[in-house]
Protein backbone atom coordinates (compact mmCIF):
# COMPACT_ATOMS: atom_id res chain seq x y z
CA MET A 1 122.67 126.75 98.52
CA ILE A 2 121.08 125.40 101.66
CA SER A 3 123.77 124.32 104.13
CA SER A 4 124.10 120.90 105.69
CA ALA A 5 123.51 122.48 109.11
CA THR A 6 120.09 123.66 107.93
CA VAL A 7 119.26 120.15 106.73
CA TYR A 8 120.32 118.77 110.11
CA ALA A 9 118.20 121.36 111.94
CA ALA A 10 115.13 120.48 109.87
CA SER A 11 115.77 116.79 110.49
CA ALA A 12 116.07 117.41 114.24
CA GLY A 13 112.69 119.12 114.17
CA VAL A 14 111.13 116.11 112.43
CA TYR A 15 112.72 113.78 114.99
CA ALA A 16 111.20 115.85 117.80
CA ALA A 17 107.75 115.56 116.20
CA VAL A 18 108.19 111.80 115.72
CA VAL A 19 109.26 111.32 119.35
CA ALA A 20 106.23 113.29 120.56
CA ALA A 21 103.92 111.17 118.38
CA LEU A 22 105.50 107.92 119.59
CA VAL A 23 105.18 108.96 123.26
CA LEU A 24 101.47 109.68 122.74
CA TRP A 25 101.09 106.38 120.89
CA LEU A 26 102.86 104.55 123.70
CA ARG A 27 100.13 105.60 126.13
CA ARG A 28 97.59 103.70 124.03
CA ILE A 29 99.59 100.46 124.07
CA PRO A 30 98.74 97.93 126.81
CA GLU A 31 101.13 98.34 129.72
CA SER A 32 102.45 94.77 129.50
CA TYR A 33 103.75 95.48 125.99
CA ARG A 34 105.25 98.93 126.51
CA GLN A 35 108.58 97.52 127.68
CA TYR A 36 109.19 96.21 124.16
CA CYS A 37 108.63 99.66 122.67
CA TYR A 38 111.15 101.49 124.85
CA PRO A 39 114.30 100.30 122.99
CA VAL A 40 113.13 101.56 119.57
CA LEU A 41 111.79 104.76 121.12
CA GLY A 42 115.21 105.25 122.70
CA ILE A 43 116.86 104.81 119.28
CA VAL A 44 114.72 107.60 117.83
CA VAL A 45 115.47 109.87 120.80
CA ILE A 46 119.23 109.27 120.59
CA SER A 47 119.23 109.86 116.84
CA GLY A 48 117.29 113.09 117.25
CA ILE A 49 119.76 114.38 119.84
CA ALA A 50 122.67 113.43 117.59
CA VAL A 51 121.22 115.33 114.62
CA ALA A 52 120.51 118.37 116.81
CA LEU A 53 124.17 118.37 117.87
CA ASP A 54 125.18 118.10 114.21
CA ALA A 55 122.98 121.10 113.41
CA ALA A 56 124.77 123.08 116.13
CA ARG A 57 128.10 122.00 114.61
CA ILE A 58 129.10 120.32 117.84
CA GLY A 59 131.53 117.43 117.40
CA THR A 60 132.24 117.84 113.69
CA ILE A 61 135.77 117.18 112.49
CA VAL A 62 137.25 117.16 108.99
CA VAL A 63 139.51 114.30 107.91
CA ASN A 64 140.97 114.40 104.38
CA GLU A 65 138.38 117.05 103.44
CA TYR A 66 135.50 114.79 104.57
CA PRO A 67 133.39 116.15 107.47
CA ILE A 68 132.71 113.52 110.12
CA THR A 69 129.84 114.35 112.46
CA ILE A 70 130.79 112.54 115.64
CA PRO A 71 127.31 112.68 117.24
CA SER A 72 125.68 111.05 114.21
CA LEU A 73 128.47 108.50 113.97
CA LEU A 74 127.94 107.50 117.61
CA GLY A 75 124.18 107.50 117.09
CA ASP A 76 124.53 105.18 114.09
CA LEU A 77 126.85 102.87 116.03
CA ILE A 78 124.06 102.51 118.59
CA ALA A 79 121.02 102.55 116.30
CA TYR A 80 121.89 100.03 113.60
CA PRO A 81 123.14 97.25 115.90
CA ALA A 82 120.14 97.84 118.18
CA LEU A 83 117.62 97.62 115.32
CA TRP A 84 119.14 94.38 114.03
CA ALA A 85 119.22 93.06 117.61
CA VAL A 86 115.50 93.69 118.07
CA ALA A 87 114.73 91.86 114.82
CA ALA A 88 116.90 88.92 115.90
CA LEU A 89 115.41 88.77 119.40
CA LEU A 90 111.93 88.58 117.91
CA ALA A 91 113.10 85.33 116.32
CA GLY A 92 114.19 83.92 119.68
CA VAL A 93 117.88 83.58 118.74
CA ASP A 94 120.56 82.50 121.21
CA ARG A 95 123.20 84.84 122.59
CA ARG A 96 125.86 83.82 120.08
CA MET A 97 123.69 84.71 117.10
CA LEU A 98 122.53 87.87 118.83
CA GLY A 99 126.16 88.92 119.26
CA ILE A 100 126.85 88.33 115.57
CA THR A 101 123.87 90.41 114.47
CA VAL A 102 125.04 93.26 116.70
CA ALA A 103 128.71 93.08 115.69
CA ILE A 104 128.19 93.10 111.90
CA PRO A 105 126.36 96.45 111.60
CA PHE A 106 128.76 97.99 114.12
CA VAL A 107 131.72 96.99 111.95
CA GLN A 108 129.87 98.11 108.80
CA ARG A 109 129.33 101.62 110.13
CA GLY A 110 132.94 101.92 111.20
CA ALA A 111 134.11 100.63 107.81
CA PHE A 112 132.00 103.22 105.99
CA THR A 113 133.71 106.03 107.90
CA VAL A 114 137.11 104.57 107.01
CA ALA A 115 136.06 104.40 103.34
CA ALA A 116 134.95 108.04 103.43
CA VAL A 117 138.27 109.39 104.73
CA THR A 118 140.63 107.17 102.73
CA ASP A 119 141.13 106.18 99.13
CA GLY A 120 142.70 103.43 97.07
CA LEU A 121 142.82 99.87 98.37
CA VAL A 122 141.85 100.76 101.94
CA ALA A 123 138.69 102.51 100.78
CA LEU A 124 137.83 99.65 98.43
CA VAL A 125 138.23 97.05 101.18
CA SER A 126 136.14 99.18 103.56
CA VAL A 127 133.31 99.50 101.02
CA SER A 128 133.49 95.74 100.49
CA VAL A 129 133.04 95.25 104.25
CA VAL A 130 129.95 97.47 104.20
CA VAL A 131 128.33 95.70 101.25
CA GLY A 132 129.53 92.23 102.28
CA GLY A 133 128.22 92.70 105.80
CA HIS A 134 124.74 93.36 104.47
CA LEU A 135 124.91 90.21 102.36
CA VAL A 136 125.98 88.21 105.42
CA LEU A 137 123.03 89.60 107.39
CA LEU A 138 120.73 88.69 104.52
CA TYR A 139 122.07 85.12 104.60
CA LEU A 140 121.76 84.78 108.38
CA TYR A 141 118.25 86.18 108.59
CA ARG A 142 117.02 83.97 105.77
CA ASN A 143 118.65 80.83 107.17
CA GLN A 144 119.85 80.32 110.77
CA ILE A 145 117.78 83.12 112.27
CA TRP A 146 114.68 82.09 110.33
CA GLU A 147 115.14 78.53 111.60
CA ALA A 148 115.31 79.85 115.17
CA ALA A 149 112.08 81.79 114.53
CA GLN A 150 110.21 78.50 114.17
CA SER A 151 110.33 78.21 117.98
CA VAL A 152 108.14 81.28 118.57
CA SER A 153 104.42 81.75 117.96
CA ASP A 154 103.00 82.36 114.49
CA GLY A 155 102.19 85.97 115.32
CA GLN A 156 105.66 86.78 116.64
CA ARG A 157 107.31 84.93 113.76
CA LEU A 158 105.33 87.02 111.28
CA LEU A 159 106.36 90.15 113.19
CA HIS A 160 110.00 89.10 112.94
CA TRP A 161 109.64 88.30 109.22
CA LYS A 162 108.16 91.69 108.40
CA GLY A 163 110.67 93.50 110.60
CA ARG A 164 113.70 91.80 109.09
CA ASN A 165 112.42 92.48 105.55
CA LEU A 166 111.89 96.13 106.41
CA LEU A 167 115.44 96.46 107.72
CA LEU A 168 117.01 94.53 104.85
CA PHE A 169 115.31 96.76 102.30
CA LEU A 170 115.73 100.16 103.98
CA ILE A 171 119.30 99.63 105.17
CA GLY A 172 120.16 98.15 101.78
CA MET A 173 118.88 101.37 100.18
CA ILE A 174 120.92 103.60 102.48
CA ILE A 175 124.04 101.54 101.75
CA VAL A 176 123.50 102.02 98.02
CA SER A 177 122.95 105.77 98.38
CA ALA A 178 125.91 106.12 100.77
CA VAL A 179 128.29 104.25 98.48
CA LEU A 180 127.12 106.31 95.49
CA GLY A 181 127.74 109.41 97.60
CA LEU A 182 131.35 108.34 98.15
CA THR A 183 131.86 108.32 94.37
CA GLY A 184 130.98 112.02 94.23
CA LEU A 185 127.71 111.45 92.39
CA PHE A 186 125.82 113.73 94.80
CA ASP A 187 126.76 117.20 95.98
CA THR A 188 126.94 118.02 99.69
CA PHE A 189 123.33 119.19 99.94
CA VAL A 190 121.81 116.21 98.13
CA SER A 191 123.97 113.79 100.10
CA ALA A 192 122.89 115.37 103.42
CA VAL A 193 119.20 115.28 102.46
CA LEU A 194 119.34 111.66 101.30
CA THR A 195 121.22 110.55 104.40
CA GLN A 196 118.85 112.30 106.80
CA TYR A 197 115.78 111.09 104.95
CA MET A 198 116.89 107.46 104.91
CA ASN A 199 118.08 107.53 108.52
CA LEU A 200 114.77 108.99 109.67
CA LEU A 201 112.79 106.53 107.56
CA ILE A 202 114.65 103.55 109.02
CA ARG A 203 114.34 104.62 112.64
CA ALA A 204 110.84 106.09 112.61
CA GLY A 205 109.58 103.45 110.20
CA PHE A 206 110.79 100.54 112.32
CA ALA A 207 109.53 102.18 115.52
CA GLY A 208 106.10 102.74 114.02
CA PHE A 209 106.03 99.20 112.70
CA LEU A 210 106.85 97.73 116.11
CA PHE A 211 104.39 99.98 117.93
CA ALA A 212 101.63 98.91 115.56
CA ASN A 213 102.36 95.19 115.92
CA VAL A 214 103.83 94.86 119.41
CA THR A 215 100.86 92.86 120.73
CA ASN A 216 102.05 89.95 118.56
CA ILE A 217 104.99 89.43 120.93
CA ASP A 218 104.56 86.47 123.27
CA VAL A 219 104.43 88.25 126.60
CA GLY A 220 105.56 85.88 129.37
CA ASP A 221 106.81 83.33 126.85
CA ALA A 222 109.13 84.06 123.93
CA GLY A 223 108.55 87.78 124.51
CA GLY A 224 109.79 87.40 128.05
CA ASN A 225 112.93 85.76 126.76
CA LEU A 226 113.41 88.75 124.47
CA LEU A 227 114.03 91.09 127.38
CA GLU A 228 115.97 88.45 129.29
CA GLU A 229 118.37 88.17 126.35
CA ILE A 230 118.89 91.95 126.41
CA GLY A 231 119.73 91.68 130.08
CA GLY A 232 122.01 88.74 129.43
CA SER A 233 120.14 86.29 131.65
CA GLY A 234 117.65 84.64 129.35
CA ASN A 235 117.08 80.97 128.79
CA GLN A 236 118.09 79.55 125.47
CA PRO A 237 115.22 79.28 123.00
CA ALA A 238 113.80 75.92 122.10
CA ASP A 239 115.37 74.01 119.26
CA PRO A 240 114.05 75.33 115.94
CA ASN A 241 111.70 73.14 113.98
CA PRO A 242 112.12 74.04 110.31
CA ALA A 243 109.42 71.56 109.38
CA ASP A 244 106.70 73.85 110.83
């Protein structure tokens, strides 16, 4: 049977190809918009490095017979909060809401690892945190964050709407497959393939989506606030107007 290390190596090769394609694509994007592409490009690069380290069996430990790949774990703890943060910033949220959207996926990823290496009540509670966290994100993005999005331009609001739907669907799918994997439904090979495929699809898919639509960001207006929020020095967005 094909080993997990081989799956990781193949995935690392795909990541390298995706990064090369994104770098070439970046050169075709107007310079004033490139700054908004760097965060998602960085996510793909970090994830590719993490998978390459997994393929080399660097940083893998076994806890209760479950192999934990530390590089991928750290990569996930960076990637998922960052992706949700980009989607929230496109809506022009304030710092409090931004912090919530970053904290939830961080806790979810940690809870999944706990669920994988434990059993009984602790594992059940951890799985509930993973699933419940996604439902909370669904609620926030369809309510408070969508209300905040009324303060940005129509083009940027549509970009946010499509981005948040993409993340809700793809991350929802990986949660389902990951939880099913914990039940022993998949063998090691199938579980590794599904995980790598979904992870790559989420990262590369969101990066490609943003690259293709980045010119909808309000450069110098709401788009400027986007980067200011990342730096922690942005102005608060205008009050949402749900009636629009």
